[in-house]
Amino acid sequence: MAGKATKKAPTRSKKARPRAQRRRLRLLWTVAILGIAVYLYYRPLASYLETRSDLTARRAEVEALRIARAQLELRLVNSTSIEATEREARRIGYVKPGEQLFVVKGIPAWRQARSNARDRRS
């Protein structure tokens, strides 16, 4: 046995291997915890962004309805007079008792012919 010289291949020390394994384990846990946190925050964050978008749309709709309401209130104030009511009734074709309604058709064609006749005279 004296003639056999045994050389052992250089190996890592026993302390180096557990350190590397601990680092990998730590990295794995960090990535896992980060993944879980992202998973848990995704839904609430997506819900928040969607709700914020809906709120913006609703605010724009409310503003449009406020403008429409103001216009209707102005129209109501203007239409409460007797003259305004009479004017609106005549616009939709109502007549007073004893009056006779005449419907005149072809006014745009008559205006066109009239303007053509004026142009010829000039």
N, C-alpha and C. Protein backbone atom coordinates (compact mmCIF):
# COMPACT_ATOMS: atom_id res chain seq x y z
N MET A 1 0.81 -1.17 0.00
CA MET A 1 0.00 0.00 0.00
C MET A 1 0.85 1.24 0.00
N ALA A 2 2.03 1.02 0.28
CA ALA A 2 2.89 2.17 0.32
C ALA A 2 3.14 2.71 -1.06
N GLY A 3 3.00 1.84 -2.08
CA GLY A 3 3.26 2.28 -3.43
C GLY A 3 2.09 3.04 -4.04
N LYS A 4 0.97 2.93 -3.43
CA LYS A 4 -0.20 3.62 -3.99
C LYS A 4 -0.31 5.00 -3.37
N ALA A 5 -0.17 5.93 -4.22
CA ALA A 5 -0.37 7.31 -3.74
C ALA A 5 -1.71 7.78 -4.28
N THR A 6 -2.51 8.11 -3.43
CA THR A 6 -3.84 8.52 -3.87
C THR A 6 -3.96 10.03 -3.77
N LYS A 7 -4.38 10.57 -4.88
CA LYS A 7 -4.64 12.01 -4.90
C LYS A 7 -6.14 12.20 -5.05
N LYS A 8 -6.66 12.96 -4.20
CA LYS A 8 -8.09 13.23 -4.28
C LYS A 8 -8.29 14.46 -5.16
N ALA A 9 -9.37 14.39 -5.97
CA ALA A 9 -9.69 15.55 -6.81
C ALA A 9 -10.12 16.69 -5.90
N PRO A 10 -9.75 17.90 -6.28
CA PRO A 10 -10.16 19.03 -5.43
C PRO A 10 -11.68 19.14 -5.41
N THR A 11 -12.22 19.16 -4.27
CA THR A 11 -13.68 19.29 -4.10
C THR A 11 -13.97 20.56 -3.33
N ARG A 12 -15.20 20.93 -3.49
CA ARG A 12 -15.61 22.12 -2.75
C ARG A 12 -15.65 21.78 -1.28
N SER A 13 -15.44 22.77 -0.53
CA SER A 13 -15.50 22.51 0.90
C SER A 13 -16.94 22.25 1.30
N LYS A 14 -17.11 21.59 2.38
CA LYS A 14 -18.44 21.23 2.81
C LYS A 14 -19.27 22.46 3.17
N LYS A 15 -18.65 23.55 3.52
CA LYS A 15 -19.36 24.77 3.88
C LYS A 15 -19.84 25.52 2.64
N ALA A 16 -19.14 25.43 1.54
CA ALA A 16 -19.51 26.17 0.33
C ALA A 16 -20.81 25.65 -0.26
N ARG A 17 -21.01 24.35 -0.26
CA ARG A 17 -22.22 23.76 -0.86
C ARG A 17 -23.49 24.20 -0.11
N PRO A 18 -23.55 24.11 1.18
CA PRO A 18 -24.77 24.56 1.87
C PRO A 18 -25.04 26.05 1.69
N ARG A 19 -24.01 26.86 1.57
CA ARG A 19 -24.20 28.30 1.35
C ARG A 19 -24.89 28.55 0.00
N ALA A 20 -24.44 27.87 -1.01
CA ALA A 20 -25.04 28.02 -2.33
C ALA A 20 -26.48 27.53 -2.32
N GLN A 21 -26.72 26.45 -1.62
CA GLN A 21 -28.08 25.94 -1.54
C GLN A 21 -28.98 26.91 -0.77
N ARG A 22 -28.44 27.49 0.28
CA ARG A 22 -29.22 28.48 1.04
C ARG A 22 -29.54 29.70 0.18
N ARG A 23 -28.58 30.15 -0.62
CA ARG A 23 -28.83 31.30 -1.50
C ARG A 23 -29.94 30.99 -2.49
N ARG A 24 -29.87 29.80 -3.09
CA ARG A 24 -30.92 29.39 -4.04
C ARG A 24 -32.27 29.31 -3.36
N LEU A 25 -32.28 28.75 -2.17
CA LEU A 25 -33.52 28.63 -1.42
C LEU A 25 -34.08 30.01 -1.06
N ARG A 26 -33.20 30.90 -0.64
CA ARG A 26 -33.61 32.28 -0.33
C ARG A 26 -34.17 32.98 -1.57
N LEU A 27 -33.49 32.80 -2.70
CA LEU A 27 -33.95 33.40 -3.96
C LEU A 27 -35.31 32.81 -4.36
N LEU A 28 -35.45 31.51 -4.21
CA LEU A 28 -36.71 30.85 -4.54
C LEU A 28 -37.85 31.37 -3.66
N TRP A 29 -37.59 31.48 -2.38
CA TRP A 29 -38.62 32.03 -1.47
C TRP A 29 -38.96 33.48 -1.82
N THR A 30 -37.96 34.28 -2.13
CA THR A 30 -38.19 35.68 -2.50
C THR A 30 -39.06 35.77 -3.75
N VAL A 31 -38.72 34.98 -4.75
CA VAL A 31 -39.51 34.98 -5.99
C VAL A 31 -40.92 34.48 -5.72
N ALA A 32 -41.07 33.47 -4.89
CA ALA A 32 -42.40 32.92 -4.58
C ALA A 32 -43.24 33.96 -3.84
N ILE A 33 -42.66 34.61 -2.86
CA ILE A 33 -43.40 35.63 -2.09
C ILE A 33 -43.77 36.80 -3.00
N LEU A 34 -42.84 37.20 -3.85
CA LEU A 34 -43.13 38.29 -4.79
C LEU A 34 -44.25 37.89 -5.76
N GLY A 35 -44.21 36.66 -6.24
CA GLY A 35 -45.26 36.16 -7.14
C GLY A 35 -46.61 36.14 -6.45
N ILE A 36 -46.66 35.70 -5.22
CA ILE A 36 -47.92 35.68 -4.47
C ILE A 36 -48.43 37.10 -4.25
N ALA A 37 -47.54 38.02 -3.92
CA ALA A 37 -47.96 39.41 -3.70
C ALA A 37 -48.54 40.01 -4.98
N VAL A 38 -47.89 39.77 -6.10
CA VAL A 38 -48.41 40.28 -7.38
C VAL A 38 -49.76 39.65 -7.68
N TYR A 39 -49.90 38.37 -7.45
CA TYR A 39 -51.17 37.68 -7.68
C TYR A 39 -52.28 38.26 -6.80
N LEU A 40 -51.97 38.52 -5.54
CA LEU A 40 -52.98 39.03 -4.62
C LEU A 40 -53.35 40.49 -4.89
N TYR A 41 -52.43 41.28 -5.43
CA TYR A 41 -52.71 42.68 -5.70
C TYR A 41 -53.28 42.94 -7.09
N TYR A 42 -53.22 41.97 -7.98
CA TYR A 42 -53.68 42.18 -9.35
C TYR A 42 -55.17 42.51 -9.42
N ARG A 43 -55.99 41.67 -8.82
CA ARG A 43 -57.45 41.87 -8.89
C ARG A 43 -57.89 43.20 -8.28
N PRO A 44 -57.49 43.52 -7.06
CA PRO A 44 -57.91 44.82 -6.50
C PRO A 44 -57.42 46.00 -7.32
N LEU A 45 -56.21 45.90 -7.85
CA LEU A 45 -55.69 46.99 -8.65
C LEU A 45 -56.46 47.13 -9.96
N ALA A 46 -56.77 46.02 -10.60
CA ALA A 46 -57.56 46.06 -11.84
C ALA A 46 -58.95 46.60 -11.55
N SER A 47 -59.54 46.20 -10.45
CA SER A 47 -60.86 46.69 -10.05
C SER A 47 -60.83 48.20 -9.80
N TYR A 48 -59.79 48.66 -9.13
CA TYR A 48 -59.64 50.09 -8.85
C TYR A 48 -59.55 50.89 -10.14
N LEU A 49 -58.74 50.43 -11.08
CA LEU A 49 -58.58 51.15 -12.34
C LEU A 49 -59.88 51.17 -13.13
N GLU A 50 -60.60 50.05 -13.15
CA GLU A 50 -61.88 50.00 -13.85
C GLU A 50 -62.90 50.93 -13.20
N THR A 51 -62.94 50.94 -11.89
CA THR A 51 -63.87 51.81 -11.16
C THR A 51 -63.55 53.27 -11.40
N ARG A 52 -62.27 53.59 -11.44
CA ARG A 52 -61.87 54.98 -11.70
C ARG A 52 -62.30 55.41 -13.10
N SER A 53 -62.16 54.52 -14.07
CA SER A 53 -62.60 54.81 -15.43
C SER A 53 -64.11 55.01 -15.49
N ASP A 54 -64.85 54.13 -14.80
CA ASP A 54 -66.31 54.26 -14.75
C ASP A 54 -66.72 55.58 -14.09
N LEU A 55 -66.01 55.95 -13.04
CA LEU A 55 -66.32 57.19 -12.34
C LEU A 55 -66.12 58.40 -13.25
N THR A 56 -65.08 58.39 -14.04
CA THR A 56 -64.84 59.48 -14.98
C THR A 56 -65.97 59.57 -16.00
N ALA A 57 -66.41 58.43 -16.50
CA ALA A 57 -67.51 58.41 -17.47
C ALA A 57 -68.81 58.91 -16.82
N ARG A 58 -69.06 58.49 -15.59
CA ARG A 58 -70.28 58.93 -14.89
C ARG A 58 -70.25 60.43 -14.61
N ARG A 59 -69.09 60.95 -14.27
CA ARG A 59 -69.00 62.40 -14.03
C ARG A 59 -69.30 63.19 -15.31
N ALA A 60 -68.81 62.70 -16.43
CA ALA A 60 -69.09 63.36 -17.71
C ALA A 60 -70.58 63.27 -18.02
N GLU A 61 -71.19 62.13 -17.73
CA GLU A 61 -72.63 61.98 -17.96
C GLU A 61 -73.44 62.89 -17.07
N VAL A 62 -73.04 63.02 -15.81
CA VAL A 62 -73.73 63.92 -14.88
C VAL A 62 -73.62 65.36 -15.36
N GLU A 63 -72.46 65.74 -15.84
CA GLU A 63 -72.28 67.12 -16.33
C GLU A 63 -73.18 67.38 -17.54
N ALA A 64 -73.27 66.41 -18.44
CA ALA A 64 -74.13 66.56 -19.62
C ALA A 64 -75.60 66.67 -19.18
N LEU A 65 -75.98 65.89 -18.19
CA LEU A 65 -77.36 65.96 -17.69
C LEU A 65 -77.64 67.29 -16.99
N ARG A 66 -76.65 67.85 -16.31
CA ARG A 66 -76.83 69.17 -15.68
C ARG A 66 -77.07 70.24 -16.74
N ILE A 67 -76.32 70.16 -17.82
CA ILE A 67 -76.49 71.13 -18.91
C ILE A 67 -77.88 70.98 -19.52
N ALA A 68 -78.29 69.73 -19.75
CA ALA A 68 -79.62 69.49 -20.33
C ALA A 68 -80.71 70.00 -19.39
N ARG A 69 -80.53 69.79 -18.10
CA ARG A 69 -81.52 70.26 -17.12
C ARG A 69 -81.60 71.79 -17.14
N ALA A 70 -80.46 72.45 -17.20
CA ALA A 70 -80.46 73.91 -17.25
C ALA A 70 -81.19 74.41 -18.50
N GLN A 71 -80.96 73.74 -19.62
CA GLN A 71 -81.64 74.13 -20.85
C GLN A 71 -83.15 73.92 -20.74
N LEU A 72 -83.55 72.80 -20.12
CA LEU A 72 -84.98 72.54 -19.96
C LEU A 72 -85.63 73.53 -19.00
N GLU A 73 -84.91 73.89 -17.93
CA GLU A 73 -85.45 74.89 -17.01
C GLU A 73 -85.62 76.23 -17.71
N LEU A 74 -84.66 76.60 -18.54
CA LEU A 74 -84.77 77.85 -19.30
C LEU A 74 -85.94 77.79 -20.26
N ARG A 75 -86.10 76.65 -20.90
CA ARG A 75 -87.23 76.48 -21.82
C ARG A 75 -88.56 76.55 -21.08
N LEU A 76 -88.60 75.98 -19.87
CA LEU A 76 -89.82 76.04 -19.06
C LEU A 76 -90.15 77.46 -18.67
N VAL A 77 -89.15 78.21 -18.27
CA VAL A 77 -89.38 79.61 -17.90
C VAL A 77 -89.89 80.39 -19.10
N ASN A 78 -89.31 80.14 -20.26
CA ASN A 78 -89.73 80.87 -21.47
C ASN A 78 -91.10 80.42 -21.96
N SER A 79 -91.49 79.17 -21.66
CA SER A 79 -92.75 78.68 -22.21
C SER A 79 -93.93 78.85 -21.27
N THR A 80 -93.73 79.44 -20.12
CA THR A 80 -94.85 79.60 -19.20
C THR A 80 -95.72 80.80 -19.54
N SER A 81 -95.27 81.66 -20.43
CA SER A 81 -96.10 82.80 -20.82
C SER A 81 -97.16 82.35 -21.82
N ILE A 82 -98.25 83.08 -21.88
CA ILE A 82 -99.35 82.76 -22.79
C ILE A 82 -98.90 82.88 -24.24
N GLU A 83 -98.11 83.89 -24.53
CA GLU A 83 -97.63 84.09 -25.90
C GLU A 83 -96.76 82.92 -26.36
N ALA A 84 -95.91 82.44 -25.48
CA ALA A 84 -95.05 81.31 -25.84
C ALA A 84 -95.87 80.06 -26.07
N THR A 85 -96.87 79.84 -25.23
CA THR A 85 -97.74 78.67 -25.40
C THR A 85 -98.50 78.77 -26.72
N GLU A 86 -99.00 79.96 -27.03
CA GLU A 86 -99.73 80.16 -28.29
C GLU A 86 -98.81 79.96 -29.49
N ARG A 87 -97.60 80.46 -29.40
CA ARG A 87 -96.64 80.32 -30.49
C ARG A 87 -96.31 78.84 -30.72
N GLU A 88 -96.10 78.08 -29.63
CA GLU A 88 -95.80 76.65 -29.76
C GLU A 88 -96.99 75.89 -30.35
N ALA A 89 -98.20 76.25 -29.93
CA ALA A 89 -99.40 75.58 -30.46
C ALA A 89 -99.53 75.86 -31.96
N ARG A 90 -99.27 77.07 -32.39
CA ARG A 90 -99.35 77.39 -33.82
C ARG A 90 -98.26 76.65 -34.59
N ARG A 91 -97.10 76.49 -33.97
CA ARG A 91 -96.01 75.78 -34.64
C ARG A 91 -96.39 74.32 -34.92
N ILE A 92 -97.12 73.70 -34.04
CA ILE A 92 -97.49 72.30 -34.27
C ILE A 92 -98.83 72.15 -34.99
N GLY A 93 -99.44 73.27 -35.40
CA GLY A 93 -100.62 73.20 -36.26
C GLY A 93 -101.95 73.48 -35.60
N TYR A 94 -101.99 73.91 -34.37
CA TYR A 94 -103.27 74.24 -33.73
C TYR A 94 -103.74 75.61 -34.17
N VAL A 95 -105.05 75.79 -34.21
CA VAL A 95 -105.63 77.10 -34.54
C VAL A 95 -106.66 77.45 -33.48
N LYS A 96 -106.93 78.73 -33.37
CA LYS A 96 -107.94 79.20 -32.41
C LYS A 96 -109.32 78.92 -32.98
N PRO A 97 -110.30 78.81 -32.10
CA PRO A 97 -111.67 78.62 -32.59
C PRO A 97 -112.08 79.78 -33.51
N GLY A 98 -112.64 79.45 -34.65
CA GLY A 98 -113.07 80.47 -35.60
C GLY A 98 -112.01 80.80 -36.65
N GLU A 99 -110.76 80.41 -36.44
CA GLU A 99 -109.73 80.67 -37.43
C GLU A 99 -109.73 79.55 -38.47
N GLN A 100 -109.19 79.88 -39.63
CA GLN A 100 -109.10 78.88 -40.69
C GLN A 100 -107.63 78.64 -40.99
N LEU A 101 -107.26 77.38 -41.07
CA LEU A 101 -105.87 76.99 -41.29
C LEU A 101 -105.60 76.83 -42.77
N PHE A 102 -104.55 77.48 -43.26
CA PHE A 102 -104.10 77.33 -44.64
C PHE A 102 -102.72 76.70 -44.62
N VAL A 103 -102.54 75.66 -45.43
CA VAL A 103 -101.24 75.01 -45.56
C VAL A 103 -100.70 75.37 -46.93
N VAL A 104 -99.55 76.03 -46.92
CA VAL A 104 -98.93 76.47 -48.16
C VAL A 104 -97.76 75.53 -48.44
N LYS A 105 -97.77 74.92 -49.63
CA LYS A 105 -96.72 73.99 -50.01
C LYS A 105 -95.89 74.59 -51.14
N GLY A 106 -94.67 74.12 -51.28
CA GLY A 106 -93.83 74.52 -52.39
C GLY A 106 -93.14 75.86 -52.19
N ILE A 107 -92.97 76.31 -50.98
CA ILE A 107 -92.33 77.61 -50.73
C ILE A 107 -90.88 77.62 -51.20
N PRO A 108 -90.08 76.58 -50.95
CA PRO A 108 -88.69 76.62 -51.44
C PRO A 108 -88.61 76.74 -52.96
N ALA A 109 -89.47 76.04 -53.68
CA ALA A 109 -89.47 76.14 -55.15
C ALA A 109 -89.89 77.54 -55.59
N TRP A 110 -90.86 78.13 -54.90
CA TRP A 110 -91.32 79.49 -55.22
C TRP A 110 -90.19 80.49 -54.99
N ARG A 111 -89.45 80.34 -53.90
CA ARG A 111 -88.33 81.25 -53.62
C ARG A 111 -87.25 81.11 -54.68
N GLN A 112 -86.99 79.88 -55.10
CA GLN A 112 -85.97 79.66 -56.13
C GLN A 112 -86.38 80.32 -57.44
N ALA A 113 -87.64 80.15 -57.81
CA ALA A 113 -88.13 80.77 -59.05
C ALA A 113 -88.08 82.28 -58.94
N ARG A 114 -88.42 82.81 -57.80
CA ARG A 114 -88.42 84.26 -57.59
C ARG A 114 -87.00 84.82 -57.69
N SER A 115 -86.02 84.12 -57.10
CA SER A 115 -84.64 84.62 -57.17
C SER A 115 -84.11 84.51 -58.61
N ASN A 116 -84.52 83.47 -59.35
CA ASN A 116 -84.11 83.36 -60.76
C ASN A 116 -84.69 84.49 -61.58
N ALA A 117 -85.94 84.87 -61.30
CA ALA A 117 -86.57 85.96 -62.03
C ALA A 117 -85.86 87.27 -61.73
N ARG A 118 -85.45 87.49 -60.51
CA ARG A 118 -84.72 88.73 -60.15
C ARG A 118 -83.39 88.78 -60.86
N ASP A 119 -82.71 87.63 -60.93
CA ASP A 119 -81.41 87.58 -61.60
C ASP A 119 -81.54 87.90 -63.09
N ARG A 120 -82.64 87.50 -63.71
CA ARG A 120 -82.83 87.78 -65.15
C ARG A 120 -83.07 89.26 -65.38
N ARG A 121 -83.77 89.89 -64.46
CA ARG A 121 -84.06 91.33 -64.61
C ARG A 121 -82.80 92.16 -64.48
N SER A 122 -81.87 91.73 -63.71
CA SER A 122 -80.66 92.54 -63.44
C SER A 122 -79.70 92.53 -64.58
